Amino acid sequence: MSKLTFSEIGQLPEYKDLLSRRRKIFWPLMLVTLFSYYAFILMVAYAPEKLHESLWGTEATLGILMGLGVIFLTLLVTFAYVWYANRHIEDLVHNIQEKVAGDE
């Protein structure tokens, strides 16, 4: 069997399934990330006085808590994608790579 061309790869059912699975996880995670980031930026721009409020009578402020929240949410989103990719995408990638390489 000869190696597959780019157009033939695009027609593989595995490749179409791969794209579908990637879109299924990509959009929700991207929207969560963008919403949290832009919510924080809009708070900085339009309500900075709220970000200066002290929490529990300590030096910690709402701005620090929200900033750390964005960072930890980004890590959580990354871990969620890696878990999903390892569980649902990796096998398809290997199948496609085997078909592309052909029987050598």
PDB file of N, CA and C in Angstrom:
ATOM      1  N   MET A   1       0.851  -1.178   0.000  1.00  0.00           N
ATOM      2  CA  MET A   1       0.000   0.000   0.000  1.00  0.00           C
ATOM      3  C   MET A   1       0.892   1.234   0.000  1.00  0.00           C
ATOM      4  N   SER A   2       0.553   2.222  -0.822  1.00  0.00           N
ATOM      5  CA  SER A   2       1.355   3.443  -0.884  1.00  0.00           C
ATOM      6  C   SER A   2       0.942   4.402   0.223  1.00  0.00           C
ATOM      7  N   LYS A   3       1.827   5.333   0.484  1.00  0.00           N
ATOM      8  CA  LYS A   3       1.538   6.323   1.514  1.00  0.00           C
ATOM      9  C   LYS A   3       0.375   7.205   1.077  1.00  0.00           C
ATOM     10  N   LEU A   4      -0.379   7.694   2.054  1.00  0.00           N
ATOM     11  CA  LEU A   4      -1.547   8.518   1.766  1.00  0.00           C
ATOM     12  C   LEU A   4      -1.149   9.967   1.510  1.00  0.00           C
ATOM     13  N   THR A   5      -1.911  10.641   0.652  1.00  0.00           N
ATOM     14  CA  THR A   5      -1.686  12.060   0.395  1.00  0.00           C
ATOM     15  C   THR A   5      -2.494  12.875   1.394  1.00  0.00           C
ATOM     16  N   PHE A   6      -2.266  14.189   1.410  1.00  0.00           N
ATOM     17  CA  PHE A   6      -2.990  15.065   2.335  1.00  0.00           C
ATOM     18  C   PHE A   6      -4.494  15.017   2.113  1.00  0.00           C
ATOM     19  N   SER A   7      -4.924  15.006   0.859  1.00  0.00           N
ATOM     20  CA  SER A   7      -6.366  14.971   0.593  1.00  0.00           C
ATOM     21  C   SER A   7      -6.975  13.631   1.016  1.00  0.00           C
ATOM     22  N   GLU A   8      -6.221  12.553   0.868  1.00  0.00           N
ATOM     23  CA  GLU A   8      -6.709  11.241   1.300  1.00  0.00           C
ATOM     24  C   GLU A   8      -6.794  11.165   2.826  1.00  0.00           C
ATOM     25  N   ILE A   9      -5.840  11.790   3.496  1.00  0.00           N
ATOM     26  CA  ILE A   9      -5.884  11.826   4.960  1.00  0.00           C
ATOM     27  C   ILE A   9      -7.126  12.574   5.417  1.00  0.00           C
ATOM     28  N   GLY A  10      -7.439  13.679   4.768  1.00  0.00           N
ATOM     29  CA  GLY A  10      -8.619  14.460   5.124  1.00  0.00           C
ATOM     30  C   GLY A  10      -9.923  13.710   4.953  1.00  0.00           C
ATOM     31  N   GLN A  11      -9.929  12.667   4.128  1.00  0.00           N
ATOM     32  CA  GLN A  11     -11.133  11.876   3.894  1.00  0.00           C
ATOM     33  C   GLN A  11     -11.270  10.676   4.821  1.00  0.00           C
ATOM     34  N   LEU A  12     -10.227  10.396   5.591  1.00  0.00           N
ATOM     35  CA  LEU A  12     -10.288   9.248   6.504  1.00  0.00           C
ATOM     36  C   LEU A  12     -11.351   9.469   7.580  1.00  0.00           C
ATOM     37  N   PRO A  13     -12.158   8.456   7.889  1.00  0.00           N
ATOM     38  CA  PRO A  13     -13.140   8.598   8.967  1.00  0.00           C
ATOM     39  C   PRO A  13     -12.477   8.877  10.317  1.00  0.00           C
ATOM     40  N   GLU A  14     -11.288   8.291  10.523  1.00  0.00           N
ATOM     41  CA  GLU A  14     -10.569   8.536  11.772  1.00  0.00           C
ATOM     42  C   GLU A  14     -10.166   9.999  11.904  1.00  0.00           C
ATOM     43  N   TYR A  15      -9.754  10.591  10.779  1.00  0.00           N
ATOM     44  CA  TYR A  15      -9.342  11.997  10.804  1.00  0.00           C
ATOM     45  C   TYR A  15     -10.536  12.902  11.089  1.00  0.00           C
ATOM     46  N   LYS A  16     -11.663  12.607  10.470  1.00  0.00           N
ATOM     47  CA  LYS A  16     -12.877  13.399  10.725  1.00  0.00           C
ATOM     48  C   LYS A  16     -13.318  13.251  12.179  1.00  0.00           C
ATOM     49  N   ASP A  17     -13.205  12.048  12.712  1.00  0.00           N
ATOM     50  CA  ASP A  17     -13.531  11.813  14.118  1.00  0.00           C
ATOM     51  C   ASP A  17     -12.564  12.565  15.036  1.00  0.00           C
ATOM     52  N   LEU A  18     -11.288  12.591  14.652  1.00  0.00           N
ATOM     53  CA  LEU A  18     -10.282  13.329  15.415  1.00  0.00           C
ATOM     54  C   LEU A  18     -10.637  14.814  15.481  1.00  0.00           C
ATOM     55  N   LEU A  19     -10.978  15.395  14.350  1.00  0.00           N
ATOM     56  CA  LEU A  19     -11.347  16.814  14.332  1.00  0.00           C
ATOM     57  C   LEU A  19     -12.590  17.074  15.177  1.00  0.00           C
ATOM     58  N   SER A  20     -13.545  16.179  15.086  1.00  0.00           N
ATOM     59  CA  SER A  20     -14.772  16.329  15.867  1.00  0.00           C
ATOM     60  C   SER A  20     -14.491  16.273  17.363  1.00  0.00           C
ATOM     61  N   ARG A  21     -13.675  15.322  17.777  1.00  0.00           N
ATOM     62  CA  ARG A  21     -13.346  15.193  19.202  1.00  0.00           C
ATOM     63  C   ARG A  21     -12.546  16.387  19.705  1.00  0.00           C
ATOM     64  N   ARG A  22     -11.643  16.894  18.877  1.00  0.00           N
ATOM     65  CA  ARG A  22     -10.857  18.064  19.295  1.00  0.00           C
ATOM     66  C   ARG A  22     -11.743  19.294  19.432  1.00  0.00           C
ATOM     67  N   ARG A  23     -12.669  19.476  18.498  1.00  0.00           N
ATOM     68  CA  ARG A  23     -13.584  20.623  18.595  1.00  0.00           C
ATOM     69  C   ARG A  23     -14.467  20.525  19.826  1.00  0.00           C
ATOM     70  N   LYS A  24     -14.880  19.308  20.150  1.00  0.00           N
ATOM     71  CA  LYS A  24     -15.771  19.088  21.291  1.00  0.00           C
ATOM     72  C   LYS A  24     -15.152  19.581  22.594  1.00  0.00           C
ATOM     73  N   ILE A  25     -13.854  19.436  22.754  1.00  0.00           N
ATOM     74  CA  ILE A  25     -13.191  19.876  23.983  1.00  0.00           C
ATOM     75  C   ILE A  25     -12.614  21.279  23.844  1.00  0.00           C
ATOM     76  N   PHE A  26     -12.198  21.649  22.637  1.00  0.00           N
ATOM     77  CA  PHE A  26     -11.547  22.930  22.433  1.00  0.00           C
ATOM     78  C   PHE A  26     -12.452  24.108  22.753  1.00  0.00           C
ATOM     79  N   TRP A  27     -13.639  24.129  22.188  1.00  0.00           N
ATOM     80  CA  TRP A  27     -14.525  25.292  22.357  1.00  0.00           C
ATOM     81  C   TRP A  27     -14.927  25.549  23.804  1.00  0.00           C
ATOM     82  N   PRO A  28     -15.382  24.568  24.552  1.00  0.00           N
ATOM     83  CA  PRO A  28     -15.726  24.863  25.955  1.00  0.00           C
ATOM     84  C   PRO A  28     -14.537  25.356  26.773  1.00  0.00           C
ATOM     85  N   LEU A  29     -13.380  24.709  26.607  1.00  0.00           N
ATOM     86  CA  LEU A  29     -12.218  25.124  27.381  1.00  0.00           C
ATOM     87  C   LEU A  29     -11.748  26.517  26.967  1.00  0.00           C
ATOM     88  N   MET A  30     -11.793  26.807  25.680  1.00  0.00           N
ATOM     89  CA  MET A  30     -11.389  28.130  25.224  1.00  0.00           C
ATOM     90  C   MET A  30     -12.331  29.205  25.765  1.00  0.00           C
ATOM     91  N   LEU A  31     -13.621  28.947  25.734  1.00  0.00           N
ATOM     92  CA  LEU A  31     -14.579  29.928  26.224  1.00  0.00           C
ATOM     93  C   LEU A  31     -14.431  30.179  27.715  1.00  0.00           C
ATOM     94  N   VAL A  32     -14.200  29.136  28.493  1.00  0.00           N
ATOM     95  CA  VAL A  32     -13.988  29.299  29.935  1.00  0.00           C
ATOM     96  C   VAL A  32     -12.746  30.146  30.183  1.00  0.00           C
ATOM     97  N   THR A  33     -11.671  29.841  29.464  1.00  0.00           N
ATOM     98  CA  THR A  33     -10.424  30.572  29.646  1.00  0.00           C
ATOM     99  C   THR A  33     -10.580  32.042  29.254  1.00  0.00           C
ATOM    100  N   LEU A  34     -11.149  32.285  28.082  1.00  0.00           N
ATOM    101  CA  LEU A  34     -11.304  33.668  27.628  1.00  0.00           C
ATOM    102  C   LEU A  34     -12.253  34.454  28.520  1.00  0.00           C
ATOM    103  N   PHE A  35     -13.344  33.825  28.941  1.00  0.00           N
ATOM    104  CA  PHE A  35     -14.292  34.531  29.804  1.00  0.00           C
ATOM    105  C   PHE A  35     -13.627  34.944  31.114  1.00  0.00           C
ATOM    106  N   SER A  36     -12.906  34.028  31.735  1.00  0.00           N
ATOM    107  CA  SER A  36     -12.275  34.351  33.020  1.00  0.00           C
ATOM    108  C   SER A  36     -11.201  35.421  32.850  1.00  0.00           C
ATOM    109  N   TYR A  37     -10.400  35.313  31.810  1.00  0.00           N
ATOM    110  CA  TYR A  37      -9.340  36.286  31.588  1.00  0.00           C
ATOM    111  C   TYR A  37      -9.922  37.675  31.316  1.00  0.00           C
ATOM    112  N   TYR A  38     -10.887  37.765  30.410  1.00  0.00           N
ATOM    113  CA  TYR A  38     -11.441  39.073  30.077  1.00  0.00           C
ATOM    114  C   TYR A  38     -12.299  39.641  31.200  1.00  0.00           C
ATOM    115  N   ALA A  39     -12.911  38.794  31.987  1.00  0.00           N
ATOM    116  CA  ALA A  39     -13.641  39.287  33.157  1.00  0.00           C
ATOM    117  C   ALA A  39     -12.668  39.959  34.120  1.00  0.00           C
ATOM    118  N   PHE A  40     -11.510  39.340  34.311  1.00  0.00           N
ATOM    119  CA  PHE A  40     -10.495  39.928  35.190  1.00  0.00           C
ATOM    120  C   PHE A  40      -9.979  41.245  34.608  1.00  0.00           C
ATOM    121  N   ILE A  41      -9.681  41.273  33.331  1.00  0.00           N
ATOM    122  CA  ILE A  41      -9.184  42.495  32.688  1.00  0.00           C
ATOM    123  C   ILE A  41     -10.222  43.609  32.743  1.00  0.00           C
ATOM    124  N   LEU A  42     -11.488  43.277  32.532  1.00  0.00           N
ATOM    125  CA  LEU A  42     -12.542  44.296  32.616  1.00  0.00           C
ATOM    126  C   LEU A  42     -12.701  44.811  34.038  1.00  0.00           C
ATOM    127  N   MET A  43     -12.521  43.950  35.019  1.00  0.00           N
ATOM    128  CA  MET A  43     -12.555  44.412  36.407  1.00  0.00           C
ATOM    129  C   MET A  43     -11.404  45.383  36.670  1.00  0.00           C
ATOM    130  N   VAL A  44     -10.233  45.072  36.152  1.00  0.00           N
ATOM    131  CA  VAL A  44      -9.083  45.961  36.320  1.00  0.00           C
ATOM    132  C   VAL A  44      -9.367  47.308  35.668  1.00  0.00           C
ATOM    133  N   ALA A  45      -9.991  47.298  34.508  1.00  0.00           N
ATOM    134  CA  ALA A  45     -10.230  48.530  33.765  1.00  0.00           C
ATOM    135  C   ALA A  45     -11.375  49.358  34.335  1.00  0.00           C
ATOM    136  N   TYR A  46     -12.477  48.720  34.727  1.00  0.00           N
ATOM    137  CA  TYR A  46     -13.681  49.470  35.072  1.00  0.00           C
ATOM    138  C   TYR A  46     -14.056  49.455  36.552  1.00  0.00           C
ATOM    139  N   ALA A  47     -13.465  48.582  37.331  1.00  0.00           N
ATOM    140  CA  ALA A  47     -13.799  48.540  38.763  1.00  0.00           C
ATOM    141  C   ALA A  47     -12.556  48.257  39.603  1.00  0.00           C
ATOM    142  N   PRO A  48     -11.508  49.068  39.435  1.00  0.00           N
ATOM    143  CA  PRO A  48     -10.287  48.785  40.194  1.00  0.00           C
ATOM    144  C   PRO A  48     -10.475  48.934  41.699  1.00  0.00           C
ATOM    145  N   GLU A  49     -11.414  49.762  42.107  1.00  0.00           N
ATOM    146  CA  GLU A  49     -11.643  49.931  43.549  1.00  0.00           C
ATOM    147  C   GLU A  49     -12.143  48.647  44.190  1.00  0.00           C
ATOM    148  N   LYS A  50     -12.887  47.834  43.441  1.00  0.00           N
ATOM    149  CA  LYS A  50     -13.347  46.540  43.965  1.00  0.00           C
ATOM    150  C   LYS A  50     -12.170  45.585  44.178  1.00  0.00           C
ATOM    151  N   LEU A  51     -11.177  45.682  43.297  1.00  0.00           N
ATOM    152  CA  LEU A  51     -10.028  44.789  43.396  1.00  0.00           C
ATOM    153  C   LEU A  51      -9.127  45.140  44.574  1.00  0.00           C
ATOM    154  N   HIS A  52      -9.264  46.359  45.100  1.00  0.00           N
ATOM    155  CA  HIS A  52      -8.446  46.793  46.238  1.00  0.00           C
ATOM    156  C   HIS A  52      -9.051  46.393  47.578  1.00  0.00           C
ATOM    157  N   GLU A  53     -10.254  45.856  47.566  1.00  0.00           N
ATOM    158  CA  GLU A  53     -10.919  45.498  48.820  1.00  0.00           C
ATOM    159  C   GLU A  53     -10.162  44.379  49.537  1.00  0.00           C
ATOM    160  N   SER A  54      -9.967  44.575  50.827  1.00  0.00           N
ATOM    161  CA  SER A  54      -9.260  43.595  51.640  1.00  0.00           C
ATOM    162  C   SER A  54     -10.175  42.402  51.916  1.00  0.00           C
ATOM    163  N   LEU A  55      -9.570  41.240  51.935  1.00  0.00           N
ATOM    164  CA  LEU A  55     -10.322  40.024  52.242  1.00  0.00           C
ATOM    165  C   LEU A  55     -10.015  39.586  53.654  1.00  0.00           C
ATOM    166  N   TRP A  56     -11.022  39.374  54.435  1.00  0.00           N
ATOM    167  CA  TRP A  56     -10.920  38.854  55.792  1.00  0.00           C
ATOM    168  C   TRP A  56     -10.016  39.706  56.698  1.00  0.00           C
ATOM    169  N   GLY A  57      -9.916  40.991  56.382  1.00  0.00           N
ATOM    170  CA  GLY A  57      -9.117  41.893  57.199  1.00  0.00           C
ATOM    171  C   GLY A  57      -7.620  41.653  57.102  1.00  0.00           C
ATOM    172  N   THR A  58      -7.168  41.066  56.004  1.00  0.00           N
ATOM    173  CA  THR A  58      -5.738  40.781  55.822  1.00  0.00           C
ATOM    174  C   THR A  58      -5.185  41.622  54.677  1.00  0.00           C
ATOM    175  N   GLU A  59      -3.942  41.397  54.341  1.00  0.00           N
ATOM    176  CA  GLU A  59      -3.309  42.094  53.219  1.00  0.00           C
ATOM    177  C   GLU A  59      -3.790  41.559  51.867  1.00  0.00           C
ATOM    178  N   ALA A  60      -4.382  40.392  51.857  1.00  0.00           N
ATOM    179  CA  ALA A  60      -4.892  39.808  50.614  1.00  0.00           C
ATOM    180  C   ALA A  60      -6.069  40.618  50.111  1.00  0.00           C
ATOM    181  N   THR A  61      -6.095  40.822  48.804  1.00  0.00           N
ATOM    182  CA  THR A  61      -7.186  41.593  48.211  1.00  0.00           C
ATOM    183  C   THR A  61      -7.943  40.729  47.210  1.00  0.00           C
ATOM    184  N   LEU A  62      -9.084  41.240  46.809  1.00  0.00           N
ATOM    185  CA  LEU A  62      -9.888  40.548  45.809  1.00  0.00           C
ATOM    186  C   LEU A  62      -9.118  40.429  44.497  1.00  0.00           C
ATOM    187  N   GLY A  63      -8.335  41.439  44.150  1.00  0.00           N
ATOM    188  CA  GLY A  63      -7.538  41.404  42.917  1.00  0.00           C
ATOM    189  C   GLY A  63      -6.519  40.285  42.928  1.00  0.00           C
ATOM    190  N   ILE A  64      -5.847  40.095  44.061  1.00  0.00           N
ATOM    191  CA  ILE A  64      -4.873  39.011  44.167  1.00  0.00           C
ATOM    192  C   ILE A  64      -5.578  37.662  44.042  1.00  0.00           C
ATOM    193  N   LEU A  65      -6.699  37.530  44.714  1.00  0.00           N
ATOM    194  CA  LEU A  65      -7.448  36.277  44.656  1.00  0.00           C
ATOM    195  C   LEU A  65      -7.931  35.989  43.233  1.00  0.00           C
ATOM    196  N   MET A  66      -8.439  37.013  42.560  1.00  0.00           N
ATOM    197  CA  MET A  66      -8.907  36.812  41.181  1.00  0.00           C
ATOM    198  C   MET A  66      -7.742  36.502  40.243  1.00  0.00           C
ATOM    199  N   GLY A  67      -6.620  37.170  40.410  1.00  0.00           N
ATOM    200  CA  GLY A  67      -5.446  36.899  39.572  1.00  0.00           C
ATOM    201  C   GLY A  67      -4.953  35.474  39.750  1.00  0.00           C
ATOM    202  N   LEU A  68      -4.865  35.034  40.993  1.00  0.00           N
ATOM    203  CA  LEU A  68      -4.473  33.647  41.248  1.00  0.00           C
ATOM    204  C   LEU A  68      -5.516  32.672  40.700  1.00  0.00           C
ATOM    205  N   GLY A  69      -6.779  33.071  40.785  1.00  0.00           N
ATOM    206  CA  GLY A  69      -7.841  32.231  40.241  1.00  0.00           C
ATOM    207  C   GLY A  69      -7.697  32.028  38.745  1.00  0.00           C
ATOM    208  N   VAL A  70      -7.339  33.088  38.021  1.00  0.00           N
ATOM    209  CA  VAL A  70      -7.136  32.972  36.573  1.00  0.00           C
ATOM    210  C   VAL A  70      -5.961  32.038  36.285  1.00  0.00           C
ATOM    211  N   ILE A  71      -4.895  32.177  37.050  1.00  0.00           N
ATOM    212  CA  ILE A  71      -3.726  31.312  36.848  1.00  0.00           C
ATOM    213  C   ILE A  71      -4.087  29.852  37.120  1.00  0.00           C
ATOM    214  N   PHE A  72      -4.741  29.584  38.233  1.00  0.00           N
ATOM    215  CA  PHE A  72      -5.099  28.203  38.558  1.00  0.00           C
ATOM    216  C   PHE A  72      -6.136  27.640  37.593  1.00  0.00           C
ATOM    217  N   LEU A  73      -7.048  28.482  37.117  1.00  0.00           N
ATOM    218  CA  LEU A  73      -8.018  28.027  36.122  1.00  0.00           C
ATOM    219  C   LEU A  73      -7.310  27.632  34.829  1.00  0.00           C
ATOM    220  N   THR A  74      -6.294  28.390  34.449  1.00  0.00           N
ATOM    221  CA  THR A  74      -5.521  28.053  33.256  1.00  0.00           C
ATOM    222  C   THR A  74      -4.838  26.703  33.425  1.00  0.00           C
ATOM    223  N   LEU A  75      -4.279  26.449  34.598  1.00  0.00           N
ATOM    224  CA  LEU A  75      -3.673  25.149  34.860  1.00  0.00           C
ATOM    225  C   LEU A  75      -4.717  24.037  34.817  1.00  0.00           C
ATOM    226  N   LEU A  76      -5.879  24.286  35.391  1.00  0.00           N
ATOM    227  CA  LEU A  76      -6.953  23.305  35.382  1.00  0.00           C
ATOM    228  C   LEU A  76      -7.412  22.993  33.960  1.00  0.00           C
ATOM    229  N   VAL A  77      -7.540  24.018  33.144  1.00  0.00           N
ATOM    230  CA  VAL A  77      -7.941  23.832  31.744  1.00  0.00           C
ATOM    231  C   VAL A  77      -6.880  23.012  31.011  1.00  0.00           C
ATOM    232  N   THR A  78      -5.609  23.302  31.272  1.00  0.00           N
ATOM    233  CA  THR A  78      -4.528  22.539  30.642  1.00  0.00           C
ATOM    234  C   THR A  78      -4.590  21.075  31.046  1.00  0.00           C
ATOM    235  N   PHE A  79      -4.745  20.819  32.328  1.00  0.00           N
ATOM    236  CA  PHE A  79      -4.837  19.435  32.800  1.00  0.00           C
ATOM    237  C   PHE A  79      -6.072  18.738  32.228  1.00  0.00           C
ATOM    238  N   ALA A  80      -7.183  19.455  32.119  1.00  0.00           N
ATOM    239  CA  ALA A  80      -8.403  18.863  31.554  1.00  0.00           C
ATOM    240  C   ALA A  80      -8.181  18.470  30.094  1.00  0.00           C
ATOM    241  N   TYR A  81      -7.509  19.338  29.335  1.00  0.00           N
ATOM    242  CA  TYR A  81      -7.254  19.020  27.936  1.00  0.00           C
ATOM    243  C   TYR A  81      -6.307  17.828  27.810  1.00  0.00           C
ATOM    244  N   VAL A  82      -5.260  17.792  28.604  1.00  0.00           N
ATOM    245  CA  VAL A  82      -4.308  16.683  28.542  1.00  0.00           C
ATOM    246  C   VAL A  82      -4.999  15.370  28.889  1.00  0.00           C
ATOM    247  N   TRP A  83      -5.827  15.379  29.928  1.00  0.00           N
ATOM    248  CA  TRP A  83      -6.555  14.168  30.305  1.00  0.00           C
ATOM    249  C   TRP A  83      -7.460  13.722  29.162  1.00  0.00           C
ATOM    250  N   TYR A  84      -8.221  14.666  28.586  1.00  0.00           N
ATOM    251  CA  TYR A  84      -9.144  14.340  27.502  1.00  0.00           C
ATOM    252  C   TYR A  84      -8.381  13.831  26.279  1.00  0.00           C
ATOM    253  N   ALA A  85      -7.283  14.507  25.946  1.00  0.00           N
ATOM    254  CA  ALA A  85      -6.502  14.101  24.774  1.00  0.00           C
ATOM    255  C   ALA A  85      -5.923  12.710  24.962  1.00  0.00           C
ATOM    256  N   ASN A  86      -5.404  12.432  26.127  1.00  0.00           N
ATOM    257  CA  ASN A  86      -4.841  11.098  26.380  1.00  0.00           C
ATOM    258  C   ASN A  86      -5.909  10.017  26.329  1.00  0.00           C
ATOM    259  N   ARG A  87      -7.087  10.342  26.757  1.00  0.00           N
ATOM    260  CA  ARG A  87      -8.150   9.337  26.838  1.00  0.00           C
ATOM    261  C   ARG A  87      -8.927   9.170  25.534  1.00  0.00           C
ATOM    262  N   HIS A  88      -9.138  10.274  24.773  1.00  0.00           N
ATOM    263  CA  HIS A  88     -10.042  10.222  23.626  1.00  0.00           C
ATOM    264  C   HIS A  88      -9.402  10.541  22.277  1.00  0.00           C
ATOM    265  N   ILE A  89      -8.229  11.124  22.272  1.00  0.00           N
ATOM    266  CA  ILE A  89      -7.653  11.585  21.010  1.00  0.00           C
ATOM    267  C   ILE A  89      -6.414  10.793  20.609  1.00  0.00           C
ATOM    268  N   GLU A  90      -5.613  10.423  21.566  1.00  0.00           N
ATOM    269  CA  GLU A  90      -4.312   9.808  21.278  1.00  0.00           C
ATOM    270  C   GLU A  90      -4.429   8.550  20.425  1.00  0.00           C
ATOM    271  N   ASP A  91      -5.428   7.705  20.694  1.00  0.00           N
ATOM    272  CA  ASP A  91      -5.574   6.473  19.907  1.00  0.00           C
ATOM    273  C   ASP A  91      -5.878   6.775  18.448  1.00  0.00           C
ATOM    274  N   LEU A  92      -6.680   7.801  18.202  1.00  0.00           N
ATOM    275  CA  LEU A  92      -6.978   8.182  16.816  1.00  0.00           C
ATOM    276  C   LEU A  92      -5.730   8.688  16.103  1.00  0.00           C
ATOM    277  N   VAL A  93      -4.926   9.458  16.800  1.00  0.00           N
ATOM    278  CA  VAL A  93      -3.694   9.989  16.202  1.00  0.00           C
ATOM    279  C   VAL A  93      -2.779   8.831  15.792  1.00  0.00           C
ATOM    280  N   HIS A  94      -2.648   7.842  16.648  1.00  0.00           N
ATOM    281  CA  HIS A  94      -1.792   6.693  16.318  1.00  0.00           C
ATOM    282  C   HIS A  94      -2.350   5.914  15.130  1.00  0.00           C
ATOM    283  N   ASN A  95      -3.662   5.733  15.079  1.00  0.00           N
ATOM    284  CA  ASN A  95      -4.267   5.031  13.942  1.00  0.00           C
ATOM    285  C   ASN A  95      -4.027   5.780  12.638  1.00  0.00           C
ATOM    286  N   ILE A  96      -4.173   7.085  12.667  1.00  0.00           N
ATOM    287  CA  ILE A  96      -3.957   7.894  11.468  1.00  0.00           C
ATOM    288  C   ILE A  96      -2.491   7.836  11.057  1.00  0.00           C
ATOM    289  N   GLN A  97      -1.584   7.919  12.015  1.00  0.00           N
ATOM    290  CA  GLN A  97      -0.153   7.848  11.699  1.00  0.00           C
ATOM    291  C   GLN A  97       0.203   6.511  11.055  1.00  0.00           C
ATOM    292  N   GLU A  98      -0.394   5.430  11.532  1.00  0.00           N
ATOM    293  CA  GLU A  98      -0.125   4.126  10.936  1.00  0.00           C
ATOM    294  C   GLU A  98      -0.632   4.064   9.512  1.00  0.00           C
ATOM    295  N   LYS A  99      -1.822   4.619   9.266  1.00  0.00           N
ATOM    296  CA  LYS A  99      -2.357   4.610   7.903  1.00  0.00           C
ATOM    297  C   LYS A  99      -1.538   5.501   6.978  1.00  0.00           C
ATOM    298  N   VAL A 100      -1.058   6.634   7.472  1.00  0.00           N
ATOM    299  CA  VAL A 100      -0.264   7.542   6.663  1.00  0.00           C
ATOM    300  C   VAL A 100       1.065   6.893   6.293  1.00  0.00           C
ATOM    301  N   ALA A 101       1.682   6.210   7.242  1.00  0.00           N
ATOM    302  CA  ALA A 101       2.963   5.572   6.988  1.00  0.00           C
ATOM    303  C   ALA A 101       2.836   4.429   5.971  1.00  0.00           C
ATOM    304  N   GLY A 102       1.679   3.799   5.945  1.00  0.00           N
ATOM    305  CA  GLY A 102       1.456   2.705   5.023  1.00  0.00           C
ATOM    306  C   GLY A 102       2.173   1.440   5.445  1.00  0.00           C
ATOM    307  N   ASP A 103       1.973   0.398   4.710  1.00  0.00           N
ATOM    308  CA  ASP A 103       2.637  -0.881   5.006  1.00  0.00           C
ATOM    309  C   ASP A 103       4.033  -0.858   4.383  1.00  0.00           C
ATOM    310  N   GLU A 104       5.025  -0.756   5.206  1.00  0.00           N
ATOM    311  CA  GLU A 104       6.388  -0.665   4.676  1.00  0.00           C
ATOM    312  C   GLU A 104       7.141  -1.952   4.905  1.00  0.00           C
TER     313      GLU A 104
END
